[in-house]
Amino acid sequence: MNKLILLAQNTIDLNPPAGSGFSNLTDLGPEEIIQKLIGLVLIIAAIVFFFILVIGGIKWILSGGDKTQTEAARNQITAALVGLVIVFTAWAITKLIGGFFNVDILSLNYGY
């Protein structure tokens, strides 16, 4: 029982080591969290659509001339390209809005 009390009295330092390149998570506000999540979602979406595109290309190569498999692979490639276009268009629109109105949507800085 005494060991448990001694362990409970010790504090655990969750701050990253100095010079590690990681920031202190206690300094993050809602703006930074939203900014990081939006950026992360854009990156993950682009990576997912890229891999769907590659998998569709592999399916097309492996279809062996079968009409239905070739058509399914073509549809998958088309869907992946449309998804990539949507992701990059959304990113470009946010940059255009930031340029015209001096508002960086991804970092939530209002030109200050």
N, C-alpha and C. Protein backbone atom coordinates (compact mmCIF):
# COMPACT_ATOMS: atom_id res chain seq x y z
N MET A 1 0.83 -1.19 0.00
CA MET A 1 0.00 0.00 0.00
C MET A 1 0.87 1.25 0.00
N ASN A 2 1.95 1.22 0.74
CA ASN A 2 2.85 2.37 0.79
C ASN A 2 3.48 2.65 -0.58
N LYS A 3 3.75 1.57 -1.34
CA LYS A 3 4.32 1.75 -2.67
C LYS A 3 3.34 2.49 -3.59
N LEU A 4 2.07 2.17 -3.47
CA LEU A 4 1.07 2.85 -4.28
C LEU A 4 0.98 4.33 -3.93
N ILE A 5 1.07 4.64 -2.68
CA ILE A 5 1.02 6.04 -2.25
C ILE A 5 2.24 6.79 -2.77
N LEU A 6 3.41 6.15 -2.71
CA LEU A 6 4.62 6.79 -3.22
C LEU A 6 4.53 7.00 -4.73
N LEU A 7 4.00 6.02 -5.45
CA LEU A 7 3.85 6.16 -6.89
C LEU A 7 2.84 7.25 -7.24
N ALA A 8 1.78 7.37 -6.46
CA ALA A 8 0.76 8.38 -6.72
C ALA A 8 1.28 9.77 -6.45
N GLN A 9 2.25 9.91 -5.56
CA GLN A 9 2.78 11.22 -5.23
C GLN A 9 3.76 11.73 -6.29
N ASN A 10 4.34 10.84 -7.07
CA ASN A 10 5.27 11.25 -8.12
C ASN A 10 4.49 11.90 -9.25
N THR A 11 5.05 12.93 -9.82
CA THR A 11 4.41 13.59 -10.96
C THR A 11 5.06 13.09 -12.24
N ILE A 12 4.25 13.03 -13.25
CA ILE A 12 4.72 12.59 -14.55
C ILE A 12 4.80 13.81 -15.45
N ASP A 13 5.96 14.05 -16.02
CA ASP A 13 6.14 15.20 -16.91
C ASP A 13 5.79 14.78 -18.33
N LEU A 14 4.69 15.34 -18.86
CA LEU A 14 4.23 15.02 -20.21
C LEU A 14 4.74 16.00 -21.25
N ASN A 15 5.54 16.96 -20.84
CA ASN A 15 6.09 17.90 -21.79
C ASN A 15 7.14 17.21 -22.64
N PRO A 16 7.21 17.58 -23.94
CA PRO A 16 8.22 16.95 -24.80
C PRO A 16 9.61 17.41 -24.40
N PRO A 17 10.62 16.60 -24.65
CA PRO A 17 11.99 16.99 -24.33
C PRO A 17 12.40 18.23 -25.13
N ALA A 18 13.25 19.03 -24.56
CA ALA A 18 13.73 20.23 -25.24
C ALA A 18 14.51 19.84 -26.50
N GLY A 19 14.25 20.55 -27.58
CA GLY A 19 14.95 20.29 -28.83
C GLY A 19 14.40 19.13 -29.63
N SER A 20 13.26 18.56 -29.22
CA SER A 20 12.71 17.41 -29.93
C SER A 20 11.90 17.82 -31.16
N GLY A 21 11.53 19.09 -31.27
CA GLY A 21 10.75 19.54 -32.41
C GLY A 21 9.26 19.47 -32.18
N PHE A 22 8.83 18.92 -31.06
CA PHE A 22 7.41 18.85 -30.73
C PHE A 22 7.04 20.03 -29.86
N SER A 23 5.85 20.57 -30.11
CA SER A 23 5.41 21.70 -29.30
C SER A 23 4.65 21.19 -28.08
N ASN A 24 4.52 22.06 -27.12
CA ASN A 24 3.79 21.72 -25.91
C ASN A 24 2.30 21.69 -26.22
N LEU A 25 1.65 20.59 -25.93
CA LEU A 25 0.25 20.43 -26.27
C LEU A 25 -0.67 21.28 -25.40
N THR A 26 -0.19 21.76 -24.28
CA THR A 26 -1.04 22.59 -23.43
C THR A 26 -1.20 23.99 -24.01
N ASP A 27 -0.36 24.38 -24.96
CA ASP A 27 -0.45 25.70 -25.57
C ASP A 27 -1.40 25.73 -26.75
N LEU A 28 -1.96 24.61 -27.15
CA LEU A 28 -2.85 24.56 -28.31
C LEU A 28 -4.22 25.10 -27.94
N GLY A 29 -4.72 25.98 -28.78
CA GLY A 29 -6.07 26.49 -28.60
C GLY A 29 -6.99 25.87 -29.64
N PRO A 30 -8.26 26.20 -29.60
CA PRO A 30 -9.20 25.64 -30.57
C PRO A 30 -8.84 25.99 -32.02
N GLU A 31 -8.27 27.19 -32.23
CA GLU A 31 -7.91 27.58 -33.60
C GLU A 31 -6.82 26.68 -34.17
N GLU A 32 -5.81 26.41 -33.35
CA GLU A 32 -4.72 25.56 -33.82
C GLU A 32 -5.18 24.13 -34.05
N ILE A 33 -6.06 23.65 -33.19
CA ILE A 33 -6.57 22.28 -33.34
C ILE A 33 -7.37 22.17 -34.63
N ILE A 34 -8.23 23.14 -34.91
CA ILE A 34 -9.03 23.12 -36.15
C ILE A 34 -8.12 23.22 -37.36
N GLN A 35 -7.12 24.10 -37.29
CA GLN A 35 -6.18 24.26 -38.39
C GLN A 35 -5.46 22.95 -38.68
N LYS A 36 -4.96 22.31 -37.66
CA LYS A 36 -4.23 21.05 -37.84
C LYS A 36 -5.14 19.95 -38.36
N LEU A 37 -6.38 19.90 -37.88
CA LEU A 37 -7.32 18.88 -38.35
C LEU A 37 -7.68 19.07 -39.82
N ILE A 38 -7.90 20.31 -40.24
CA ILE A 38 -8.22 20.57 -41.65
C ILE A 38 -7.05 20.17 -42.54
N GLY A 39 -5.85 20.57 -42.15
CA GLY A 39 -4.67 20.18 -42.92
C GLY A 39 -4.48 18.68 -42.97
N LEU A 40 -4.71 18.02 -41.83
CA LEU A 40 -4.57 16.57 -41.77
C LEU A 40 -5.60 15.87 -42.65
N VAL A 41 -6.84 16.37 -42.64
CA VAL A 41 -7.89 15.78 -43.47
C VAL A 41 -7.55 15.93 -44.95
N LEU A 42 -7.05 17.10 -45.35
CA LEU A 42 -6.67 17.30 -46.75
C LEU A 42 -5.55 16.36 -47.17
N ILE A 43 -4.56 16.19 -46.32
CA ILE A 43 -3.44 15.31 -46.64
C ILE A 43 -3.89 13.85 -46.71
N ILE A 44 -4.69 13.43 -45.73
CA ILE A 44 -5.17 12.04 -45.73
C ILE A 44 -6.06 11.77 -46.94
N ALA A 45 -6.94 12.72 -47.28
CA ALA A 45 -7.81 12.53 -48.44
C ALA A 45 -6.99 12.41 -49.72
N ALA A 46 -5.98 13.25 -49.88
CA ALA A 46 -5.15 13.18 -51.09
C ALA A 46 -4.41 11.84 -51.16
N ILE A 47 -3.90 11.37 -50.03
CA ILE A 47 -3.18 10.09 -50.02
C ILE A 47 -4.13 8.94 -50.33
N VAL A 48 -5.32 8.97 -49.74
CA VAL A 48 -6.29 7.89 -49.97
C VAL A 48 -6.70 7.84 -51.44
N PHE A 49 -7.01 9.00 -52.02
CA PHE A 49 -7.41 9.02 -53.42
C PHE A 49 -6.27 8.61 -54.34
N PHE A 50 -5.04 8.95 -53.98
CA PHE A 50 -3.90 8.52 -54.79
C PHE A 50 -3.78 7.00 -54.77
N PHE A 51 -3.91 6.39 -53.59
CA PHE A 51 -3.80 4.94 -53.53
C PHE A 51 -4.97 4.25 -54.22
N ILE A 52 -6.16 4.84 -54.16
CA ILE A 52 -7.29 4.27 -54.91
C ILE A 52 -7.01 4.33 -56.40
N LEU A 53 -6.37 5.41 -56.85
CA LEU A 53 -5.99 5.54 -58.26
C LEU A 53 -4.99 4.46 -58.65
N VAL A 54 -3.99 4.24 -57.81
CA VAL A 54 -2.98 3.21 -58.10
C VAL A 54 -3.61 1.82 -58.10
N ILE A 55 -4.49 1.55 -57.15
CA ILE A 55 -5.14 0.23 -57.09
C ILE A 55 -6.01 0.03 -58.32
N GLY A 56 -6.71 1.08 -58.77
CA GLY A 56 -7.51 0.98 -59.99
C GLY A 56 -6.65 0.69 -61.20
N GLY A 57 -5.46 1.30 -61.26
CA GLY A 57 -4.54 1.02 -62.37
C GLY A 57 -4.05 -0.42 -62.34
N ILE A 58 -3.77 -0.92 -61.15
CA ILE A 58 -3.33 -2.32 -61.03
C ILE A 58 -4.46 -3.26 -61.43
N LYS A 59 -5.68 -2.94 -61.02
CA LYS A 59 -6.82 -3.78 -61.41
C LYS A 59 -7.01 -3.78 -62.92
N TRP A 60 -6.79 -2.64 -63.55
CA TRP A 60 -6.93 -2.55 -65.00
C TRP A 60 -5.88 -3.44 -65.68
N ILE A 61 -4.65 -3.38 -65.19
CA ILE A 61 -3.59 -4.19 -65.77
C ILE A 61 -3.89 -5.67 -65.58
N LEU A 62 -4.40 -6.04 -64.40
CA LEU A 62 -4.65 -7.45 -64.10
C LEU A 62 -5.98 -7.96 -64.63
N SER A 63 -6.77 -7.09 -65.25
CA SER A 63 -8.09 -7.52 -65.74
C SER A 63 -7.99 -8.53 -66.87
N GLY A 64 -6.90 -8.54 -67.57
CA GLY A 64 -6.70 -9.53 -68.63
C GLY A 64 -7.65 -9.37 -69.80
N GLY A 65 -8.15 -8.19 -70.02
CA GLY A 65 -9.03 -7.94 -71.15
C GLY A 65 -10.50 -8.25 -70.88
N ASP A 66 -10.82 -8.69 -69.66
CA ASP A 66 -12.21 -8.94 -69.31
C ASP A 66 -12.96 -7.61 -69.28
N LYS A 67 -14.05 -7.56 -70.03
CA LYS A 67 -14.79 -6.30 -70.20
C LYS A 67 -15.32 -5.76 -68.87
N THR A 68 -15.90 -6.60 -68.02
CA THR A 68 -16.50 -6.11 -66.77
C THR A 68 -15.42 -5.65 -65.79
N GLN A 69 -14.32 -6.39 -65.71
CA GLN A 69 -13.25 -5.99 -64.79
C GLN A 69 -12.56 -4.71 -65.27
N THR A 70 -12.39 -4.58 -66.58
CA THR A 70 -11.80 -3.36 -67.12
C THR A 70 -12.70 -2.16 -66.85
N GLU A 71 -14.00 -2.34 -67.02
CA GLU A 71 -14.94 -1.26 -66.77
C GLU A 71 -14.96 -0.87 -65.28
N ALA A 72 -14.89 -1.86 -64.40
CA ALA A 72 -14.86 -1.57 -62.97
C ALA A 72 -13.58 -0.82 -62.59
N ALA A 73 -12.45 -1.22 -63.18
CA ALA A 73 -11.19 -0.54 -62.91
C ALA A 73 -11.23 0.89 -63.45
N ARG A 74 -11.81 1.07 -64.62
CA ARG A 74 -11.93 2.41 -65.20
C ARG A 74 -12.80 3.30 -64.33
N ASN A 75 -13.89 2.75 -63.82
CA ASN A 75 -14.76 3.53 -62.93
C ASN A 75 -14.04 3.90 -61.64
N GLN A 76 -13.22 2.99 -61.11
CA GLN A 76 -12.47 3.28 -59.90
C GLN A 76 -11.44 4.38 -60.15
N ILE A 77 -10.77 4.33 -61.28
CA ILE A 77 -9.79 5.36 -61.61
C ILE A 77 -10.49 6.71 -61.79
N THR A 78 -11.64 6.70 -62.45
CA THR A 78 -12.39 7.94 -62.64
C THR A 78 -12.83 8.52 -61.30
N ALA A 79 -13.32 7.68 -60.40
CA ALA A 79 -13.74 8.15 -59.08
C ALA A 79 -12.55 8.71 -58.29
N ALA A 80 -11.41 8.07 -58.39
CA ALA A 80 -10.22 8.56 -57.69
C ALA A 80 -9.77 9.90 -58.24
N LEU A 81 -9.80 10.05 -59.55
CA LEU A 81 -9.40 11.33 -60.15
C LEU A 81 -10.38 12.44 -59.77
N VAL A 82 -11.67 12.14 -59.75
CA VAL A 82 -12.66 13.13 -59.33
C VAL A 82 -12.43 13.51 -57.87
N GLY A 83 -12.14 12.54 -57.03
CA GLY A 83 -11.86 12.82 -55.62
C GLY A 83 -10.63 13.69 -55.44
N LEU A 84 -9.56 13.39 -56.20
CA LEU A 84 -8.37 14.23 -56.13
C LEU A 84 -8.65 15.65 -56.59
N VAL A 85 -9.42 15.78 -57.65
CA VAL A 85 -9.78 17.11 -58.14
C VAL A 85 -10.58 17.87 -57.10
N ILE A 86 -11.52 17.20 -56.43
CA ILE A 86 -12.32 17.86 -55.40
C ILE A 86 -11.45 18.31 -54.24
N VAL A 87 -10.53 17.47 -53.79
CA VAL A 87 -9.66 17.83 -52.67
C VAL A 87 -8.79 19.03 -53.02
N PHE A 88 -8.16 18.99 -54.19
CA PHE A 88 -7.28 20.09 -54.56
C PHE A 88 -8.05 21.35 -54.92
N THR A 89 -9.27 21.22 -55.42
CA THR A 89 -10.10 22.38 -55.68
C THR A 89 -10.50 23.05 -54.37
N ALA A 90 -10.84 22.25 -53.37
CA ALA A 90 -11.19 22.81 -52.07
C ALA A 90 -9.99 23.56 -51.48
N TRP A 91 -8.81 22.99 -51.61
CA TRP A 91 -7.61 23.66 -51.12
C TRP A 91 -7.37 24.96 -51.89
N ALA A 92 -7.54 24.93 -53.22
CA ALA A 92 -7.32 26.12 -54.04
C ALA A 92 -8.34 27.21 -53.71
N ILE A 93 -9.59 26.82 -53.46
CA ILE A 93 -10.61 27.81 -53.11
C ILE A 93 -10.28 28.49 -51.79
N THR A 94 -9.79 27.72 -50.82
CA THR A 94 -9.41 28.35 -49.55
C THR A 94 -8.25 29.32 -49.75
N LYS A 95 -7.32 28.99 -50.62
CA LYS A 95 -6.21 29.89 -50.89
C LYS A 95 -6.68 31.14 -51.64
N LEU A 96 -7.64 30.99 -52.57
CA LEU A 96 -8.18 32.14 -53.28
C LEU A 96 -8.94 33.07 -52.34
N ILE A 97 -9.74 32.50 -51.46
CA ILE A 97 -10.46 33.31 -50.48
C ILE A 97 -9.47 34.06 -49.59
N GLY A 98 -8.41 33.37 -49.20
CA GLY A 98 -7.38 34.01 -48.39
C GLY A 98 -6.70 35.15 -49.13
N GLY A 99 -6.48 34.97 -50.43
CA GLY A 99 -5.84 36.01 -51.22
C GLY A 99 -6.72 37.23 -51.43
N PHE A 100 -8.00 36.99 -51.69
CA PHE A 100 -8.92 38.10 -51.96
C PHE A 100 -9.32 38.86 -50.70
N PHE A 101 -9.59 38.14 -49.63
CA PHE A 101 -10.13 38.77 -48.43
C PHE A 101 -9.11 38.88 -47.29
N ASN A 102 -7.86 38.49 -47.56
CA ASN A 102 -6.81 38.54 -46.55
C ASN A 102 -7.18 37.74 -45.30
N VAL A 103 -7.80 36.59 -45.53
CA VAL A 103 -8.20 35.69 -44.45
C VAL A 103 -7.63 34.32 -44.78
N ASP A 104 -6.76 33.82 -43.93
CA ASP A 104 -6.21 32.49 -44.13
C ASP A 104 -7.10 31.50 -43.39
N ILE A 105 -7.97 30.82 -44.13
CA ILE A 105 -8.95 29.93 -43.53
C ILE A 105 -8.27 28.75 -42.84
N LEU A 106 -7.20 28.26 -43.43
CA LEU A 106 -6.55 27.08 -42.86
C LEU A 106 -5.81 27.38 -41.56
N SER A 107 -5.40 28.62 -41.34
CA SER A 107 -4.74 28.93 -40.09
C SER A 107 -5.57 29.84 -39.19
N LEU A 108 -6.72 30.25 -39.67
CA LEU A 108 -7.65 31.08 -38.92
C LEU A 108 -7.03 32.39 -38.46
N ASN A 109 -6.09 32.90 -39.26
CA ASN A 109 -5.52 34.22 -39.01
C ASN A 109 -6.27 35.22 -39.88
N TYR A 110 -6.69 36.30 -39.30
CA TYR A 110 -7.52 37.26 -40.03
C TYR A 110 -6.72 38.48 -40.45
N GLY A 111 -5.57 38.26 -41.04
CA GLY A 111 -4.78 39.32 -41.60
C GLY A 111 -4.06 40.18 -40.57
N TYR A 112 -3.96 39.75 -39.36
CA TYR A 112 -3.29 40.54 -38.32
C TYR A 112 -1.84 40.16 -38.25
